[in-house]
Protein backbone atom coordinates (compact mmCIF):
# COMPACT_ATOMS: atom_id res chain seq x y z
CA MET A 1 58.61 -33.08 14.92
CA SER A 2 57.91 -33.08 18.63
CA ILE A 3 59.90 -29.91 18.93
CA THR A 4 59.45 -26.86 16.60
CA PHE A 5 61.60 -23.73 16.46
CA ASP A 6 60.42 -20.28 15.32
CA LEU A 7 63.27 -17.75 14.88
CA SER A 8 61.21 -15.15 13.02
CA GLY A 9 60.86 -12.99 16.16
CA CYS A 10 64.58 -12.40 15.94
CA LEU A 11 64.67 -11.08 12.31
CA SER A 12 64.08 -7.76 10.58
CA GLU A 13 60.94 -8.89 8.95
CA ARG A 14 59.25 -8.79 12.33
CA LEU A 15 61.50 -6.67 14.46
CA GLY A 16 61.87 -3.97 11.81
CA ARG A 17 64.61 -2.06 10.14
CA GLY A 18 68.06 -2.36 11.66
CA ALA A 19 67.36 -5.87 13.04
CA LEU A 20 69.15 -9.01 11.95
CA GLU A 21 68.51 -9.88 8.30
CA GLU A 22 67.53 -13.46 7.43
CA ALA A 23 70.06 -13.67 4.68
CA LEU A 24 72.86 -12.87 7.04
CA LEU A 25 71.67 -15.51 9.54
CA ARG A 26 71.47 -18.08 6.72
CA GLU A 27 74.96 -17.21 5.65
CA LYS A 28 76.40 -17.54 9.18
CA THR A 29 74.48 -20.86 9.71
CA SER A 30 75.83 -22.18 6.44
CA SER A 31 79.36 -21.42 7.64
CA LEU A 32 78.92 -24.21 10.19
CA ARG A 33 78.45 -26.91 7.60
CA PRO A 34 82.15 -28.03 7.85
CA ALA A 35 81.91 -28.27 11.50
CA LEU A 36 78.72 -30.35 11.19
CA GLU A 37 80.31 -32.64 8.70
CA ARG A 38 83.23 -33.13 11.03
CA LEU A 39 80.88 -34.07 13.88
CA ALA A 40 78.92 -36.42 11.64
CA ALA A 41 82.08 -38.22 10.64
CA LEU A 42 83.04 -38.62 14.28
CA ARG A 43 79.61 -40.11 15.12
CA MET A 44 79.92 -42.53 12.10
CA ALA A 45 83.33 -43.60 13.26
CA GLY A 46 82.04 -44.16 16.80
CA GLU A 47 84.95 -42.69 18.54
CA GLY A 48 86.75 -39.34 19.02
CA HIS A 49 86.06 -36.04 20.56
CA PRO A 50 83.50 -34.68 21.64
CA GLU A 51 82.37 -38.11 23.03
CA PHE A 52 78.93 -36.82 24.25
CA LEU A 53 77.81 -37.14 20.55
CA LEU A 54 78.29 -40.96 20.90
CA LEU A 55 76.08 -41.41 23.86
CA PRO A 56 72.73 -41.40 22.08
CA ASP A 57 73.66 -44.60 20.13
CA ARG A 58 74.91 -46.53 23.11
CA ARG A 59 72.91 -49.11 25.07
CA ALA A 60 75.57 -51.48 26.65
CA ASP A 61 76.09 -49.12 29.66
CA LEU A 62 72.45 -49.04 30.57
CA GLU A 63 72.16 -52.52 31.91
CA PRO A 64 74.77 -52.09 34.73
CA ALA A 65 72.97 -48.77 35.59
CA ARG A 66 69.58 -50.60 35.71
CA ASP A 67 71.05 -53.22 38.00
CA LEU A 68 72.47 -50.65 40.34
CA ALA A 69 69.28 -48.72 40.46
CA ALA A 70 67.31 -51.77 41.21
CA ALA A 71 69.58 -52.78 44.02
CA LEU A 72 69.45 -49.34 45.58
CA ALA A 73 65.67 -49.13 45.20
CA GLU A 74 65.27 -52.53 46.95
CA ARG A 75 67.20 -51.39 50.06
CA CYS A 76 66.38 -47.59 50.15
CA ASP A 77 63.41 -45.37 50.69
CA ASP A 78 65.65 -42.25 50.03
CA VAL A 79 68.78 -41.82 47.85
CA LEU A 80 71.10 -38.89 48.15
CA ILE A 81 72.70 -37.81 44.82
CA LEU A 82 75.92 -36.12 45.71
CA GLY A 83 77.51 -33.97 43.13
CA THR A 84 77.78 -30.38 41.94
CA GLY A 85 77.44 -28.54 38.69
CA GLY A 86 77.17 -30.88 35.74
CA SER A 87 77.27 -33.92 38.07
CA SER A 88 73.92 -32.87 39.50
CA LEU A 89 71.94 -30.43 37.32
CA GLY A 90 71.13 -32.91 34.54
CA GLY A 91 69.82 -35.43 37.03
CA GLN A 92 67.73 -32.79 38.75
CA THR A 93 66.09 -31.87 35.40
CA LEU A 94 65.30 -35.40 34.67
CA TYR A 95 63.89 -35.98 38.12
CA ALA A 96 61.44 -33.16 37.53
CA LEU A 97 59.92 -35.31 34.76
CA ALA A 98 59.08 -38.16 37.06
CA ASP A 99 55.49 -38.69 38.33
CA LEU A 100 55.49 -37.83 41.98
CA PRO A 101 55.00 -39.28 44.50
CA LEU A 102 56.96 -42.27 43.25
CA GLY A 103 55.69 -45.73 43.75
CA PRO A 104 57.12 -48.19 46.33
CA ARG A 105 59.79 -49.47 43.79
CA HIS A 106 61.33 -46.04 43.47
CA PRO A 107 63.08 -44.14 46.23
CA ARG A 108 62.83 -40.42 46.84
CA LEU A 109 65.81 -38.61 45.46
CA HIS A 110 67.58 -35.72 47.10
CA PHE A 111 70.11 -33.82 45.07
CA VAL A 112 72.79 -32.61 47.42
CA ASP A 113 74.85 -30.09 45.41
CA ASN A 114 76.13 -27.61 48.03
CA VAL A 115 77.95 -27.76 51.42
CA ASP A 116 75.88 -25.35 53.59
CA PRO A 117 76.00 -27.21 56.92
CA PHE A 118 72.58 -25.96 57.99
CA GLY A 119 70.64 -27.46 55.18
CA PHE A 120 72.86 -30.61 54.90
CA GLU A 121 72.39 -31.48 58.67
CA ARG A 122 68.67 -30.77 58.46
CA LEU A 123 68.34 -33.23 55.56
CA LEU A 124 70.30 -35.98 57.39
CA ASP A 125 68.26 -35.56 60.47
CA SER A 126 65.14 -36.11 58.47
CA LEU A 127 66.28 -39.48 57.10
CA ASP A 128 66.26 -43.01 58.39
CA MET A 129 69.91 -43.90 57.74
CA GLU A 130 69.14 -47.60 57.65
CA ARG A 131 66.95 -47.03 54.47
CA THR A 132 69.05 -44.26 52.97
CA GLY A 133 71.21 -44.79 49.87
CA VAL A 134 73.97 -42.53 48.29
CA VAL A 135 75.35 -41.98 44.88
CA ALA A 136 78.43 -39.91 44.79
CA ILE A 137 79.38 -38.38 41.37
CA SER A 138 82.59 -36.73 40.51
CA LYS A 139 84.36 -37.03 37.10
CA SER A 140 87.77 -36.23 38.40
CA GLY A 141 87.12 -38.06 41.76
CA SER A 142 88.59 -35.07 43.55
CA THR A 143 85.62 -32.66 43.80
CA ALA A 144 85.99 -31.18 47.31
CA GLU A 145 82.27 -30.60 47.89
CA THR A 146 81.42 -34.18 46.99
CA LEU A 147 84.15 -35.74 48.98
CA CYS A 148 83.21 -33.65 51.98
CA GLN A 149 79.52 -34.73 51.62
CA LEU A 150 80.44 -38.36 51.19
CA ALA A 151 82.83 -38.51 54.22
CA VAL A 152 80.12 -37.06 56.52
CA ILE A 153 77.46 -39.49 55.19
CA LEU A 154 79.71 -42.45 55.35
CA GLU A 155 80.28 -41.87 59.06
CA ALA A 156 76.64 -41.44 59.62
CA LEU A 157 75.90 -44.69 57.88
CA ILE A 158 78.50 -46.59 59.71
CA GLU A 159 76.96 -45.46 62.96
CA ALA A 160 73.50 -46.53 61.80
CA VAL A 161 74.29 -49.90 59.94
CA ASP A 162 76.97 -52.46 59.96
CA GLU A 163 79.90 -51.67 57.66
CA SER A 164 79.11 -54.72 55.56
CA ARG A 165 75.94 -53.07 54.32
CA LEU A 166 77.64 -49.93 52.94
CA ALA A 167 78.16 -51.62 49.56
CA GLY A 168 74.43 -52.08 49.38
CA GLN A 169 73.61 -48.57 50.04
CA VAL A 170 76.51 -46.51 48.61
CA ALA A 171 77.63 -46.24 45.06
CA VAL A 172 80.12 -44.10 43.05
CA ILE A 173 80.33 -42.67 39.55
CA THR A 174 83.86 -41.52 38.64
CA GLU A 175 86.49 -41.96 36.04
CA PRO A 176 88.37 -45.31 36.02
CA LYS A 177 91.52 -44.00 37.48
CA GLU A 178 93.21 -43.54 40.82
CA SER A 179 91.67 -40.64 42.74
CA PRO A 180 90.44 -39.76 46.28
CA LEU A 181 86.91 -40.97 45.34
CA SER A 182 88.11 -44.19 43.76
CA ASN A 183 90.22 -44.83 46.83
CA LEU A 184 87.16 -44.36 49.10
CA ALA A 185 85.17 -46.74 46.84
CA ASP A 186 88.04 -49.31 47.19
CA ARG A 187 88.30 -48.84 50.94
CA TRP A 188 84.67 -49.55 51.61
CA ARG A 189 84.12 -51.95 48.66
CA LEU A 190 81.51 -49.68 47.05
CA PRO A 191 80.07 -50.44 43.62
CA ARG A 192 80.90 -47.96 40.96
CA LEU A 193 79.93 -46.95 37.42
CA LYS A 194 82.42 -45.55 34.98
CA HIS A 195 82.23 -41.89 34.18
CA ASP A 196 83.09 -41.54 30.53
CA LEU A 197 86.64 -40.07 30.24
CA GLY A 198 85.72 -37.90 27.23
CA VAL A 199 82.49 -36.48 28.59
CA GLY A 200 82.69 -33.41 30.79
CA GLY A 201 80.22 -32.87 33.58
CA ARG A 202 78.07 -30.33 31.83
CA PHE A 203 77.77 -32.61 28.81
CA SER A 204 77.18 -35.77 30.90
CA VAL A 205 73.35 -35.77 31.21
CA LEU A 206 72.90 -38.52 28.63
CA SER A 207 75.55 -40.67 30.28
CA VAL A 208 75.08 -42.76 33.45
CA VAL A 209 75.59 -39.52 35.48
CA GLY A 210 72.08 -38.41 34.42
CA LEU A 211 70.59 -41.72 33.62
CA LEU A 212 71.20 -43.43 36.93
CA PRO A 213 69.04 -40.90 38.76
CA ALA A 214 66.47 -41.15 35.88
CA LEU A 215 66.35 -45.00 36.39
CA LEU A 216 65.98 -44.64 40.10
CA ALA A 217 62.92 -42.38 39.30
CA GLY A 218 61.38 -44.95 37.05
CA LEU A 219 62.17 -43.00 33.78
CA ASP A 220 62.98 -44.59 30.40
CA ALA A 221 66.62 -44.07 29.90
CA ALA A 222 66.58 -45.58 26.37
CA ALA A 223 63.90 -43.12 25.30
CA LEU A 224 65.99 -40.14 26.50
CA ARG A 225 68.83 -41.33 24.24
CA GLU A 226 66.49 -42.01 21.32
CA GLY A 227 65.20 -38.40 21.51
CA ALA A 228 68.63 -37.07 21.53
CA ALA A 229 69.53 -39.27 18.53
CA GLU A 230 66.65 -37.91 16.47
CA ILE A 231 67.89 -34.32 17.01
CA LEU A 232 71.39 -35.45 16.31
CA ASP A 233 70.20 -37.06 13.04
CA GLN A 234 68.53 -33.92 11.93
CA ALA A 235 71.37 -31.64 12.95
CA LEU A 236 74.10 -33.56 11.27
CA GLY A 237 72.12 -34.43 8.14
CA GLU A 238 71.11 -32.59 5.12
CA ARG A 239 68.82 -30.32 7.06
CA GLY A 240 71.64 -29.35 9.44
CA THR A 241 71.88 -25.75 8.32
CA ASP A 242 68.20 -24.82 8.13
CA LEU A 243 66.71 -22.27 10.46
CA GLU A 244 65.28 -24.82 12.94
CA GLY A 245 68.42 -26.56 14.12
CA PRO A 246 71.20 -26.01 16.59
CA ALA A 247 73.49 -24.42 13.97
CA ALA A 248 70.97 -21.56 13.40
CA GLY A 249 70.62 -21.11 17.17
CA ALA A 250 74.43 -20.83 17.52
CA ALA A 251 74.70 -18.41 14.57
CA LEU A 252 71.87 -16.26 15.99
CA ALA A 253 73.43 -15.98 19.36
CA VAL A 254 76.88 -15.03 17.97
CA LEU A 255 75.49 -12.60 15.50
CA LEU A 256 73.45 -10.82 18.18
CA ALA A 257 76.46 -10.82 20.51
CA GLU A 258 78.42 -9.01 17.82
CA ARG A 259 75.63 -6.35 17.84
CA GLY A 260 75.77 -5.88 21.72
CA TYR A 261 73.29 -8.50 22.86
CA SER A 262 75.40 -9.65 25.80
CA GLN A 263 72.84 -11.79 27.64
CA THR A 264 70.57 -14.73 26.71
CA VAL A 265 67.43 -15.47 28.57
CA LEU A 266 65.90 -19.03 28.68
CA MET A 267 62.34 -18.84 29.84
CA PRO A 268 60.22 -22.10 29.86
CA TYR A 269 56.59 -21.86 30.46
CA VAL A 270 56.71 -25.37 31.97
CA ASP A 271 57.29 -25.95 35.64
CA ARG A 272 58.99 -29.27 34.95
CA LEU A 273 61.69 -27.44 32.97
CA ALA A 274 62.61 -25.06 35.75
CA ASP A 275 65.77 -27.05 36.51
CA PHE A 276 66.44 -27.30 32.79
CA GLY A 277 67.12 -23.51 32.86
CA LEU A 278 69.78 -24.14 35.54
CA TRP A 279 71.30 -26.90 33.57
CA TYR A 280 71.47 -24.66 30.43
CA ARG A 281 72.95 -21.78 32.45
CA GLN A 282 76.08 -23.72 33.39
CA LEU A 283 76.39 -25.34 29.92
CA TRP A 284 76.37 -21.99 28.13
CA ALA A 285 78.36 -20.00 30.64
CA GLU A 286 81.09 -22.52 31.34
CA SER A 287 81.55 -23.54 27.77
CA LEU A 288 81.70 -20.05 26.11
CA GLY A 289 82.87 -17.56 28.77
CA LYS A 290 86.43 -17.44 27.69
CA GLU A 291 88.87 -14.95 26.29
CA GLY A 292 86.56 -12.09 26.83
CA LYS A 293 83.87 -13.79 24.75
CA GLY A 294 80.56 -15.39 25.45
CA THR A 295 77.12 -14.08 26.60
CA THR A 296 75.61 -14.24 30.07
CA PRO A 297 72.82 -16.85 30.38
CA ILE A 298 69.79 -15.91 32.53
CA ARG A 299 67.31 -18.50 33.78
CA ALA A 300 63.67 -17.38 34.08
CA LEU A 301 60.36 -19.20 34.41
CA GLY A 302 57.07 -18.18 33.00
CA PRO A 303 54.62 -16.94 33.79
CA VAL A 304 55.87 -16.37 37.35
CA ASP A 305 58.78 -14.12 36.20
CA GLN A 306 56.61 -11.98 34.07
CA HIS A 307 55.81 -10.35 37.42
CA SER A 308 59.38 -9.97 38.48
CA GLN A 309 61.47 -9.57 35.30
CA LEU A 310 59.37 -8.58 32.25
CA GLN A 311 59.37 -4.89 33.00
CA LEU A 312 63.18 -4.96 32.64
CA TYR A 313 63.01 -7.17 29.67
CA LEU A 314 60.67 -4.77 27.78
CA GLN A 315 62.00 -1.35 28.77
CA GLY A 316 65.45 -2.03 30.18
CA PRO A 317 68.70 -2.31 28.20
CA ALA A 318 68.19 -3.88 24.70
CA ASP A 319 70.92 -6.43 25.22
CA LYS A 320 69.13 -9.68 25.59
CA LEU A 321 68.14 -12.61 23.28
CA PHE A 322 65.05 -14.36 24.57
CA THR A 323 64.22 -18.08 24.10
CA LEU A 324 60.73 -19.00 25.29
CA ILE A 325 59.71 -22.62 25.60
CA ARG A 326 56.05 -23.44 25.54
CA LEU A 327 54.14 -26.76 25.67
CA GLU A 328 50.82 -27.47 24.04
CA THR A 329 48.59 -27.09 27.07
CA GLN A 330 45.29 -25.90 25.61
CA GLY A 331 42.46 -27.80 27.09
CA GLN A 332 44.47 -29.26 29.80
CA GLY A 333 44.26 -28.96 33.66
CA PRO A 334 41.31 -28.15 35.90
CA ARG A 335 38.41 -26.37 34.33
CA ILE A 336 37.25 -23.06 35.81
CA SER A 337 33.55 -23.29 36.64
CA PRO A 338 31.44 -20.35 35.41
CA LYS A 339 29.47 -20.71 38.75
CA ILE A 340 32.60 -19.65 40.66
CA VAL A 341 33.63 -16.75 38.44
CA GLU A 342 30.34 -14.96 38.04
CA ASP A 343 31.99 -11.48 38.19
CA PRO A 344 31.90 -10.11 34.61
CA ARG A 345 35.56 -9.05 34.97
CA LEU A 346 36.45 -12.64 35.10
CA ALA A 347 34.35 -13.75 31.97
CA TYR A 348 37.67 -14.48 30.21
CA LEU A 349 38.29 -17.27 32.63
CA ALA A 350 34.82 -18.83 32.74
CA GLY A 351 34.79 -22.29 31.22
CA ARG A 352 38.49 -22.28 30.47
CA HIS A 353 41.14 -24.70 31.56
CA MET A 354 44.25 -23.72 33.58
CA GLY A 355 46.27 -24.83 30.55
CA ASP A 356 44.54 -22.32 28.41
CA LEU A 357 45.80 -19.43 30.60
CA LEU A 358 49.31 -20.81 30.64
CA ASP A 359 49.34 -21.10 26.83
CA ALA A 360 47.84 -17.58 26.31
CA MET A 361 50.40 -15.95 28.59
CA ALA A 362 53.39 -17.75 26.82
CA ARG A 363 52.19 -16.68 23.36
CA ALA A 364 51.32 -13.11 24.61
CA THR A 365 54.71 -12.72 26.22
CA ALA A 366 56.49 -13.75 23.09
CA GLU A 367 54.43 -11.36 20.97
CA THR A 368 54.95 -8.48 23.39
CA LEU A 369 58.79 -8.90 23.41
CA VAL A 370 58.71 -8.91 19.65
CA ARG A 371 56.55 -5.80 19.46
CA ASN A 372 58.97 -4.07 21.84
CA GLY A 373 61.93 -4.88 19.50
CA ARG A 374 63.33 -7.66 21.62
CA PRO A 375 64.72 -10.57 19.60
CA THR A 376 62.71 -13.61 20.64
CA ARG A 377 62.66 -17.23 19.49
CA LEU A 378 59.86 -19.62 20.47
CA LEU A 379 60.36 -23.31 20.92
CA THR A 380 57.13 -25.32 21.02
CA LEU A 381 56.80 -28.84 22.42
CA ASP A 382 53.94 -31.03 21.45
CA ARG A 383 54.46 -33.09 24.67
CA LEU A 384 57.02 -33.35 27.34
CA ASP A 385 58.35 -36.93 28.03
CA GLU A 386 61.75 -38.61 28.08
CA PHE A 387 61.96 -38.62 24.21
CA VAL A 388 61.34 -34.97 23.90
CA LEU A 389 63.50 -33.99 26.87
CA GLY A 390 66.41 -35.99 25.39
CA GLY A 391 65.96 -34.02 22.24
CA LEU A 392 66.06 -30.70 24.19
CA PHE A 393 69.28 -31.65 25.92
CA MET A 394 70.98 -32.59 22.60
CA HIS A 395 69.77 -29.49 20.82
CA PHE A 396 71.25 -27.00 23.42
CA MET A 397 74.53 -29.01 23.86
CA LEU A 398 75.06 -28.98 20.05
CA GLU A 399 74.04 -25.31 19.94
CA THR A 400 76.64 -24.52 22.57
CA VAL A 401 79.44 -26.44 20.81
CA LEU A 402 78.65 -24.74 17.52
CA ALA A 403 78.56 -21.34 19.11
CA ALA A 404 82.07 -22.10 20.58
CA GLU A 405 83.09 -22.97 17.00
CA LEU A 406 82.01 -19.56 15.70
CA LEU A 407 83.68 -17.76 18.70
CA GLY A 408 86.88 -19.70 18.37
CA VAL A 409 86.95 -20.95 21.95
CA ASP A 410 87.21 -24.47 23.31
CA ALA A 411 83.79 -25.55 24.65
CA PHE A 412 85.07 -28.31 26.84
CA ASP A 413 87.48 -26.77 29.29
CA GLN A 414 87.11 -24.28 32.16
CA PRO A 415 90.57 -23.01 32.98
CA ALA A 416 89.57 -20.10 35.03
CA VAL A 417 87.56 -22.24 37.46
CA GLU A 418 90.51 -24.30 38.61
CA GLU A 419 92.21 -21.27 40.38
CA GLY A 420 89.43 -21.01 42.87
CA LYS A 421 89.53 -24.65 43.68
CA VAL A 422 93.18 -24.57 44.26
CA LEU A 423 92.88 -21.53 46.60
CA ALA A 424 89.98 -23.01 48.55
CA ARG A 425 92.20 -26.08 49.46
CA GLU A 426 95.13 -23.62 50.41
CA TYR A 427 92.59 -21.78 52.75
CA LEU A 428 91.53 -25.04 54.39
CA ALA A 429 95.14 -26.25 54.77
CA ALA A 430 96.10 -22.92 56.35
CA SER A 431 93.21 -22.89 58.77
CA GLY A 432 93.92 -26.46 59.75
CA ALA A 433 97.53 -25.72 60.58
CA ALA A 434 96.50 -22.61 62.56
CA THR A 435 94.24 -24.61 64.84
CA SER A 436 96.47 -27.72 65.25
């Protein structure tokens, strides 16, 4: 396997008396077998809910996405990806995997996921609008931030280029229904890709929402789905309830939540997975935080956050589950010359590679957390490419859905969020009326 999971640092055998017993974890994990069988049947049927499980086996939707990516790349040096939350975070994570700087056939991507006017205007001022493309992403087609961004950029483009060129530089991803975003696409004859109706934003990374940015960056979209399919095969197959799969991760999180572990820390020791932590944070929080249930996800990055957070993690409240992700980096990166580090206090560095230090710090942090009684699981990647990253995405999406099953909440809605959206529109309408 390209990804291995070690949960031993969460169990009483290593943490000591009073910690979670392996037998209890296995029992809770096995209770998810009916849910796994239900998901397996859905996948075999090729239709039903949740639809994100069907994406790894699809290929027909990749060709239109490739064509659109090629058209934008031909005309644009920069492409703005407009979206927020799940419409952006998956794409950002994938873009971090690209070899930068990109070649001439791949534009620079800018993920515009907020509406702070200072940063937005500074970005626009830095671009040649004649060579700038835009992809606006909104499942509902009514996301206020995305519509605001697109309206401003459309005006800037119209000032810089002829209106007839808009269709060559601007594209839309939204549901195939009437909406403000669809109407804008119709008004300016913009090409569009279909946002899958049954795939919510935070589960959409393996759809064209994530894969169009990946294609623009020169990544292998099919390999992403193949990696996800491998994890799906394992999770829904005979090995679905072992202690290495998503079911065990879900059971672990729920059992620890029942014991007062109210927070979960995801800490990759891989810079290219820094945005993966942000993607996971939304996935876990928005899917499970309902009816007074759920745990609070915390995104950290090793080893840098050892210097800012580890003191709290080790001696602060014992209320966190830790998931560390390490990559096999021994012998990789620049070598430290013994001629430069002659000080005997630096002998441990002499002749070593930078990857040796990163690997040592990841393993040492995991062991230190366990020795201090903090439940810690360790995920090890033998490499990081599209196939492996696709597998990581699928593992954590499945883990989240199965945790929701155990908690008895709907993983796919977010009812509390809608109140703020409605109120924001009311504030804007009221302020507009007051100034008119």
